C-alpha atoms as a PDB file:
ATOM      1  CA  MET A   1      29.830  68.539  -1.123  1.00  0.00           C
ATOM      2  CA  ASN A   2      29.192  67.067   2.279  1.00  0.00           C
ATOM      3  CA  THR A   3      29.501  63.285   1.966  1.00  0.00           C
ATOM      4  CA  THR A   4      28.997  62.466   5.623  1.00  0.00           C
ATOM      5  CA  PRO A   5      26.871  59.306   5.477  1.00  0.00           C
ATOM      6  CA  LEU A   6      23.299  59.647   6.620  1.00  0.00           C
ATOM      7  CA  PRO A   7      22.126  56.180   7.722  1.00  0.00           C
ATOM      8  CA  GLY A   8      19.602  54.944   5.198  1.00  0.00           C
ATOM      9  CA  CYS A   9      19.221  58.376   3.587  1.00  0.00           C
ATOM     10  CA  TRP A  10      18.332  56.713   0.264  1.00  0.00           C
ATOM     11  CA  ARG A  11      15.192  55.412   1.952  1.00  0.00           C
ATOM     12  CA  HIS A  12      14.100  58.872   3.126  1.00  0.00           C
ATOM     13  CA  ILE A  13      15.279  61.583   0.749  1.00  0.00           C
ATOM     14  CA  GLY A  14      16.627  59.424  -2.075  1.00  0.00           C
ATOM     15  CA  ILE A  15      15.194  57.106  -4.723  1.00  0.00           C
ATOM     16  CA  GLU A  16      13.333  55.021  -2.139  1.00  0.00           C
ATOM     17  CA  GLY A  17      12.016  58.127  -0.340  1.00  0.00           C
ATOM     18  CA  ASP A  18      10.604  61.489  -1.357  1.00  0.00           C
ATOM     19  CA  ARG A  19      13.535  62.224  -3.739  1.00  0.00           C
ATOM     20  CA  SER A  20      14.171  65.596  -2.138  1.00  0.00           C
ATOM     21  CA  CYS A  21      17.951  65.087  -1.960  1.00  0.00           C
ATOM     22  CA  PRO A  22      19.617  67.816  -4.056  1.00  0.00           C
ATOM     23  CA  GLU A  23      22.397  65.413  -5.072  1.00  0.00           C
ATOM     24  CA  LEU A  24      19.937  63.413  -7.204  1.00  0.00           C
ATOM     25  CA  LEU A  25      20.120  66.155  -9.835  1.00  0.00           C
ATOM     26  CA  ARG A  26      23.795  65.339 -10.251  1.00  0.00           C
ATOM     27  CA  VAL A  27      24.058  61.586  -9.588  1.00  0.00           C
ATOM     28  CA  VAL A  28      20.600  60.585 -10.952  1.00  0.00           C
ATOM     29  CA  HIS A  29      20.371  57.496  -8.722  1.00  0.00           C
ATOM     30  CA  CYS A  30      21.454  56.758  -5.150  1.00  0.00           C
ATOM     31  CA  ARG A  31      23.679  53.916  -6.342  1.00  0.00           C
ATOM     32  CA  ASN A  32      25.915  56.556  -8.007  1.00  0.00           C
ATOM     33  CA  CYS A  33      26.275  58.594  -4.811  1.00  0.00           C
ATOM     34  CA  PRO A  34      29.429  58.486  -2.617  1.00  0.00           C
ATOM     35  CA  VAL A  35      27.238  58.273   0.482  1.00  0.00           C
ATOM     36  CA  PHE A  36      25.852  54.973  -0.800  1.00  0.00           C
ATOM     37  CA  SER A  37      29.398  53.823  -1.668  1.00  0.00           C
ATOM     38  CA  ASP A  38      30.660  54.705   1.802  1.00  0.00           C
ATOM     39  CA  GLU A  39      27.874  52.655   3.354  1.00  0.00           C
ATOM     40  CA  ALA A  40      28.841  49.804   1.034  1.00  0.00           C
ATOM     41  CA  ALA A  41      32.473  50.008   2.136  1.00  0.00           C
ATOM     42  CA  ARG A  42      31.458  49.776   5.770  1.00  0.00           C
ATOM     43  CA  LEU A  43      29.255  46.802   4.940  1.00  0.00           C
ATOM     44  CA  PHE A  44      32.275  44.956   3.527  1.00  0.00           C
ATOM     45  CA  GLU A  45      34.777  46.010   6.166  1.00  0.00           C
ATOM     46  CA  ARG A  46      32.766  45.599   9.332  1.00  0.00           C
ATOM     47  CA  PRO A  47      33.495  42.555  11.539  1.00  0.00           C
ATOM     48  CA  PRO A  48      30.784  39.904  11.918  1.00  0.00           C
ATOM     49  CA  PRO A  49      28.187  41.020  14.469  1.00  0.00           C
ATOM     50  CA  PRO A  50      28.367  39.477  17.960  1.00  0.00           C
ATOM     51  CA  GLY A  51      26.779  36.050  18.051  1.00  0.00           C
ATOM     52  CA  TYR A  52      26.619  35.787  14.236  1.00  0.00           C
ATOM     53  CA  THR A  53      27.946  32.216  14.059  1.00  0.00           C
ATOM     54  CA  GLU A  54      25.885  31.127  17.045  1.00  0.00           C
ATOM     55  CA  GLN A  55      22.733  32.682  15.552  1.00  0.00           C
ATOM     56  CA  TRP A  56      23.173  30.816  12.279  1.00  0.00           C
ATOM     57  CA  THR A  57      23.919  27.570  14.093  1.00  0.00           C
ATOM     58  CA  GLU A  58      20.780  27.888  16.233  1.00  0.00           C
ATOM     59  CA  THR A  59      18.558  29.037  13.352  1.00  0.00           C
ATOM     60  CA  LEU A  60      19.669  26.432  10.842  1.00  0.00           C
ATOM     61  CA  GLY A  61      19.796  23.679  13.423  1.00  0.00           C
ATOM     62  CA  ASP A  62      16.095  24.167  14.135  1.00  0.00           C
ATOM     63  CA  THR A  63      14.314  22.114  11.483  1.00  0.00           C
ATOM     64  CA  SER A  64      10.830  22.664  12.840  1.00  0.00           C
ATOM     65  CA  ALA A  65       8.396  23.941  10.236  1.00  0.00           C
ATOM     66  CA  GLY A  66       6.005  25.903  12.413  1.00  0.00           C
ATOM     67  CA  PRO A  67       2.300  25.021  12.404  1.00  0.00           C
ATOM     68  CA  GLY A  68       1.590  21.747  10.638  1.00  0.00           C
ATOM     69  CA  LEU A  69       1.795  18.018  11.141  1.00  0.00           C
ATOM     70  CA  GLU A  70       4.373  16.751  13.578  1.00  0.00           C
ATOM     71  CA  GLY A  71       7.690  16.052  11.864  1.00  0.00           C
ATOM     72  CA  GLU A  72       6.909  18.148   8.792  1.00  0.00           C
ATOM     73  CA  GLU A  73       9.422  20.509   7.253  1.00  0.00           C
ATOM     74  CA  SER A  74       8.833  23.261   4.730  1.00  0.00           C
ATOM     75  CA  ALA A  75      10.805  24.959   1.973  1.00  0.00           C
ATOM     76  CA  VAL A  76      10.479  27.877  -0.420  1.00  0.00           C
ATOM     77  CA  VAL A  77      10.733  26.226  -3.831  1.00  0.00           C
ATOM     78  CA  PHE A  78      11.979  27.964  -6.965  1.00  0.00           C
ATOM     79  CA  ARG A  79      13.513  27.263 -10.346  1.00  0.00           C
ATOM     80  CA  ILE A  80      16.845  28.376 -11.796  1.00  0.00           C
ATOM     81  CA  GLY A  81      17.285  27.212 -15.375  1.00  0.00           C
ATOM     82  CA  ASP A  82      15.997  23.648 -15.461  1.00  0.00           C
ATOM     83  CA  GLU A  83      16.712  22.965 -11.779  1.00  0.00           C
ATOM     84  CA  TRP A  84      14.021  23.064  -9.101  1.00  0.00           C
ATOM     85  CA  LEU A  85      15.530  23.972  -5.741  1.00  0.00           C
ATOM     86  CA  GLY A  86      14.289  24.726  -2.246  1.00  0.00           C
ATOM     87  CA  LEU A  87      15.449  26.718   0.758  1.00  0.00           C
ATOM     88  CA  PRO A  88      14.206  25.924   4.274  1.00  0.00           C
ATOM     89  CA  THR A  89      11.571  28.532   5.037  1.00  0.00           C
ATOM     90  CA  LYS A  90      13.504  29.828   8.052  1.00  0.00           C
ATOM     91  CA  ALA A  91      16.459  30.651   5.801  1.00  0.00           C
ATOM     92  CA  ALA A  92      14.455  32.412   3.084  1.00  0.00           C
ATOM     93  CA  ALA A  93      13.617  36.046   3.812  1.00  0.00           C
ATOM     94  CA  PHE A  94      11.679  37.900   1.114  1.00  0.00           C
ATOM     95  CA  VAL A  95      10.829  37.887  -2.559  1.00  0.00           C
ATOM     96  CA  ALA A  96      10.905  40.957  -4.815  1.00  0.00           C
ATOM     97  CA  SER A  97      10.057  41.426  -8.482  1.00  0.00           C
ATOM     98  CA  GLU A  98      12.594  44.127  -9.314  1.00  0.00           C
ATOM     99  CA  VAL A  99      16.122  44.704  -8.042  1.00  0.00           C
ATOM    100  CA  VAL A 100      18.835  46.933  -9.522  1.00  0.00           C
ATOM    101  CA  VAL A 101      22.346  45.622  -8.887  1.00  0.00           C
ATOM    102  CA  ARG A 102      25.341  47.922  -8.797  1.00  0.00           C
ATOM    103  CA  GLN A 103      28.608  46.176  -9.653  1.00  0.00           C
ATOM    104  CA  LEU A 104      31.718  47.111  -7.684  1.00  0.00           C
ATOM    105  CA  ALA A 105      34.945  47.523  -9.642  1.00  0.00           C
ATOM    106  CA  GLY A 106      37.507  44.959  -8.570  1.00  0.00           C
ATOM    107  CA  ARG A 107      35.018  43.115  -6.355  1.00  0.00           C
ATOM    108  CA  SER A 108      32.225  41.731  -8.554  1.00  0.00           C
ATOM    109  CA  ASN A 109      32.789  38.269 -10.009  1.00  0.00           C
ATOM    110  CA  ARG A 110      30.931  35.180 -11.212  1.00  0.00           C
ATOM    111  CA  ILE A 111      29.258  34.715  -7.815  1.00  0.00           C
ATOM    112  CA  PHE A 112      29.312  38.102  -6.107  1.00  0.00           C
ATOM    113  CA  ALA A 113      27.280  40.459  -8.300  1.00  0.00           C
ATOM    114  CA  GLY A 114      27.485  43.676  -6.273  1.00  0.00           C
ATOM    115  CA  LEU A 115      25.207  45.781  -4.091  1.00  0.00           C
ATOM    116  CA  CYS A 116      21.506  46.404  -4.346  1.00  0.00           C
ATOM    117  CA  LEU A 117      18.593  48.017  -2.596  1.00  0.00           C
ATOM    118  CA  PHE A 118      16.261  45.218  -1.593  1.00  0.00           C
ATOM    119  CA  LEU A 119      12.961  46.386  -0.142  1.00  0.00           C
ATOM    120  CA  GLY A 120      14.668  49.637   0.830  1.00  0.00           C
ATOM    121  CA  GLU A 121      17.627  47.983   2.552  1.00  0.00           C
ATOM    122  CA  LEU A 122      21.229  47.793   1.347  1.00  0.00           C
ATOM    123  CA  ALA A 123      22.039  44.141   0.610  1.00  0.00           C
ATOM    124  CA  LEU A 124      24.655  41.964  -1.065  1.00  0.00           C
ATOM    125  CA  ALA A 125      23.623  40.645  -4.478  1.00  0.00           C
ATOM    126  CA  VAL A 126      24.989  37.251  -5.481  1.00  0.00           C
ATOM    127  CA  SER A 127      24.446  34.780  -8.298  1.00  0.00           C
ATOM    128  CA  LEU A 128      23.212  31.411  -7.107  1.00  0.00           C
ATOM    129  CA  ARG A 129      23.072  30.319 -10.749  1.00  0.00           C
ATOM    130  CA  GLY A 130      26.748  31.293 -11.077  1.00  0.00           C
ATOM    131  CA  LEU A 131      27.673  29.347  -7.943  1.00  0.00           C
ATOM    132  CA  LEU A 132      25.776  26.259  -9.104  1.00  0.00           C
ATOM    133  CA  GLY A 133      26.801  26.562 -12.758  1.00  0.00           C
ATOM    134  CA  LEU A 134      23.210  26.750 -13.984  1.00  0.00           C
ATOM    135  CA  GLY A 135      23.740  29.198 -16.836  1.00  0.00           C
ATOM    136  CA  PRO A 136      22.520  32.745 -17.463  1.00  0.00           C
ATOM    137  CA  SER A 137      19.129  34.130 -16.545  1.00  0.00           C
ATOM    138  CA  GLN A 138      16.324  33.561 -19.020  1.00  0.00           C
ATOM    139  CA  GLY A 139      15.559  37.255 -18.630  1.00  0.00           C
ATOM    140  CA  ILE A 140      11.755  36.872 -18.602  1.00  0.00           C
ATOM    141  CA  GLY A 141       9.767  37.110 -15.386  1.00  0.00           C
ATOM    142  CA  VAL A 142      12.890  37.057 -13.234  1.00  0.00           C
ATOM    143  CA  GLN A 143      12.281  37.400  -9.504  1.00  0.00           C
ATOM    144  CA  TRP A 144      14.626  37.967  -6.600  1.00  0.00           C
ATOM    145  CA  LEU A 145      14.877  35.928  -3.413  1.00  0.00           C
ATOM    146  CA  ALA A 146      16.691  36.901  -0.220  1.00  0.00           C
ATOM    147  CA  MET A 147      18.155  34.570   2.376  1.00  0.00           C
ATOM    148  CA  GLY A 148      19.978  35.106   5.636  1.00  0.00           C
ATOM    149  CA  THR A 149      19.624  37.548   8.494  1.00  0.00           C
ATOM    150  CA  PRO A 150      19.052  41.326   8.403  1.00  0.00           C
ATOM    151  CA  SER A 151      22.745  41.813   9.249  1.00  0.00           C
ATOM    152  CA  GLU A 152      23.951  39.518   6.452  1.00  0.00           C
ATOM    153  CA  ARG A 153      21.361  39.226   3.705  1.00  0.00           C
ATOM    154  CA  TRP A 154      22.094  37.648   0.325  1.00  0.00           C
ATOM    155  CA  VAL A 155      19.895  38.470  -2.672  1.00  0.00           C
ATOM    156  CA  PHE A 156      19.881  36.380  -5.851  1.00  0.00           C
ATOM    157  CA  ASP A 157      17.744  36.090  -8.959  1.00  0.00           C
ATOM    158  CA  ILE A 158      15.528  33.131  -9.792  1.00  0.00           C
ATOM    159  CA  ASP A 159      13.542  32.253 -12.905  1.00  0.00           C
ATOM    160  CA  GLU A 160      10.330  31.062 -11.260  1.00  0.00           C
ATOM    161  CA  LEU A 161       8.856  30.873  -7.776  1.00  0.00           C
ATOM    162  CA  ALA A 162       6.662  27.858  -6.994  1.00  0.00           C
ATOM    163  CA  GLY A 163       5.837  28.760  -3.390  1.00  0.00           C
ATOM    164  CA  VAL A 164       6.122  27.031  -0.024  1.00  0.00           C
ATOM    165  CA  TYR A 165       5.993  23.233   0.069  1.00  0.00           C
ATOM    166  CA  ARG A 166       5.590  21.094   3.161  1.00  0.00           C
ATOM    167  CA  PHE A 167       7.085  17.623   3.255  1.00  0.00           C
ATOM    168  CA  SER A 168       7.652  14.766   5.646  1.00  0.00           C
ATOM    169  CA  ALA A 169      10.766  12.714   6.324  1.00  0.00           C
ATOM    170  CA  GLY A 170       9.395   9.976   4.078  1.00  0.00           C
ATOM    171  CA  GLU A 171       9.359  12.362   1.116  1.00  0.00           C
ATOM    172  CA  ARG A 172      13.040  13.205   1.294  1.00  0.00           C
ATOM    173  CA  SER A 173      15.995  11.099   0.202  1.00  0.00           C
ATOM    174  CA  ASN A 174      19.752  11.539   0.323  1.00  0.00           C
ATOM    175  CA  ALA A 175      21.228  13.980  -2.173  1.00  0.00           C
ATOM    176  CA  PRO A 176      23.295  12.354  -4.966  1.00  0.00           C
ATOM    177  CA  THR A 177      27.053  12.564  -4.417  1.00  0.00           C
ATOM    178  CA  GLU A 178      28.459  12.015  -7.907  1.00  0.00           C
ATOM    179  CA  GLY A 179      27.587  12.095 -11.584  1.00  0.00           C
ATOM    180  CA  HIS A 180      25.341  15.118 -11.226  1.00  0.00           C
ATOM    181  CA  SER A 181      25.547  18.934 -11.516  1.00  0.00           C
ATOM    182  CA  THR A 182      27.544  21.239  -9.248  1.00  0.00           C
ATOM    183  CA  ALA A 183      24.287  21.975  -7.435  1.00  0.00           C
ATOM    184  CA  THR A 184      24.510  18.645  -5.615  1.00  0.00           C
ATOM    185  CA  THR A 185      27.451  20.018  -3.591  1.00  0.00           C
ATOM    186  CA  TYR A 186      25.029  22.340  -1.818  1.00  0.00           C
ATOM    187  CA  LEU A 187      22.100  19.951  -1.336  1.00  0.00           C
ATOM    188  CA  THR A 188      21.116  18.210   1.868  1.00  0.00           C
ATOM    189  CA  ALA A 189      18.363  16.100   0.293  1.00  0.00           C
ATOM    190  CA  VAL A 190      16.135  15.504  -2.704  1.00  0.00           C
ATOM    191  CA  VAL A 191      12.455  15.991  -1.909  1.00  0.00           C
ATOM    192  CA  LYS A 192       9.614  14.350  -3.851  1.00  0.00           C
ATOM    193  CA  VAL A 193       6.141  15.695  -3.151  1.00  0.00           C
ATOM    194  CA  PRO A 194       3.027  15.306  -5.311  1.00  0.00           C
ATOM    195  CA  GLY A 195       3.666  17.117  -8.568  1.00  0.00           C
ATOM    196  CA  ARG A 196       7.169  18.342  -7.713  1.00  0.00           C
ATOM    197  CA  THR A 197      10.722  17.094  -7.115  1.00  0.00           C
ATOM    198  CA  PHE A 198      13.344  19.546  -5.872  1.00  0.00           C
ATOM    199  CA  GLY A 199      16.785  19.666  -4.337  1.00  0.00           C
ATOM    200  CA  LEU A 200      16.863  21.017  -0.780  1.00  0.00           C
ATOM    201  CA  LEU A 201      19.713  23.512  -0.423  1.00  0.00           C
ATOM    202  CA  ASP A 202      21.969  23.832   2.622  1.00  0.00           C
ATOM    203  CA  PRO A 203      21.840  27.519   3.730  1.00  0.00           C
ATOM    204  CA  ARG A 204      24.998  27.168   5.796  1.00  0.00           C
ATOM    205  CA  ALA A 205      26.999  25.916   2.804  1.00  0.00           C
ATOM    206  CA  LEU A 206      25.588  28.692   0.612  1.00  0.00           C
ATOM    207  CA  ASP A 207      26.453  31.304   3.230  1.00  0.00           C
ATOM    208  CA  GLU A 208      30.061  30.104   3.350  1.00  0.00           C
ATOM    209  CA  ALA A 209      30.329  30.086  -0.442  1.00  0.00           C
ATOM    210  CA  PHE A 210      28.868  33.576  -0.746  1.00  0.00           C
ATOM    211  CA  LEU A 211      31.194  34.919   1.943  1.00  0.00           C
ATOM    212  CA  GLY A 212      34.147  33.351   0.124  1.00  0.00           C
ATOM    213  CA  SER A 213      33.146  35.064  -3.105  1.00  0.00           C
ATOM    214  CA  LEU A 214      33.607  38.504  -1.509  1.00  0.00           C
ATOM    215  CA  ALA A 215      37.369  38.002  -1.453  1.00  0.00           C
ATOM    216  CA  ARG A 216      37.577  36.339  -4.867  1.00  0.00           C
ATOM    217  CA  ALA A 217      39.155  38.125  -7.821  1.00  0.00           C
ATOM    218  CA  PRO A 218      36.813  39.052 -10.714  1.00  0.00           C
END
């Protein structure tokens, strides 16, 4: 069999495409194909793209919220377990209702779940609930949220999506530093808006934690 990787072939002739690939008769799903695995290996082994650190610094340092009142910020708010959390809208990428995660032997652990196809793109699946110690998924109505850049996208499951909330500086307070859950380690603030209170997550801290999980033993 010729296993020379065809860039994104799963999106064209595989499960995400017209399913004309003859290998599907044998492997059933693209995630079982060595071409997909080879692409995954390159994803892990490649060096960070040029300007990666600078891009994150510039993106996350810009706290503007786009159109709206001067000084407003905005966040995508969601629930994991009993915790309501928010990501700055510039850090959140997409939401999907169904994602199949493929674990990698010797690589998957409590935080790094494996690889997945997210909206037709190969992405790294992680467990934010595992990182924050928020317990297992409730398994009903689970959705998936992506954060990061196209070159380094993290996908994790959430229990409920509330939507985008705008807030002013007066509606945010300092995050607690002790006597609370592990989640507080990754918060930059607690935001109280009408009808909702949520912890605002630090995308940079999450990115570092997720990267660290790639080298962690199962």
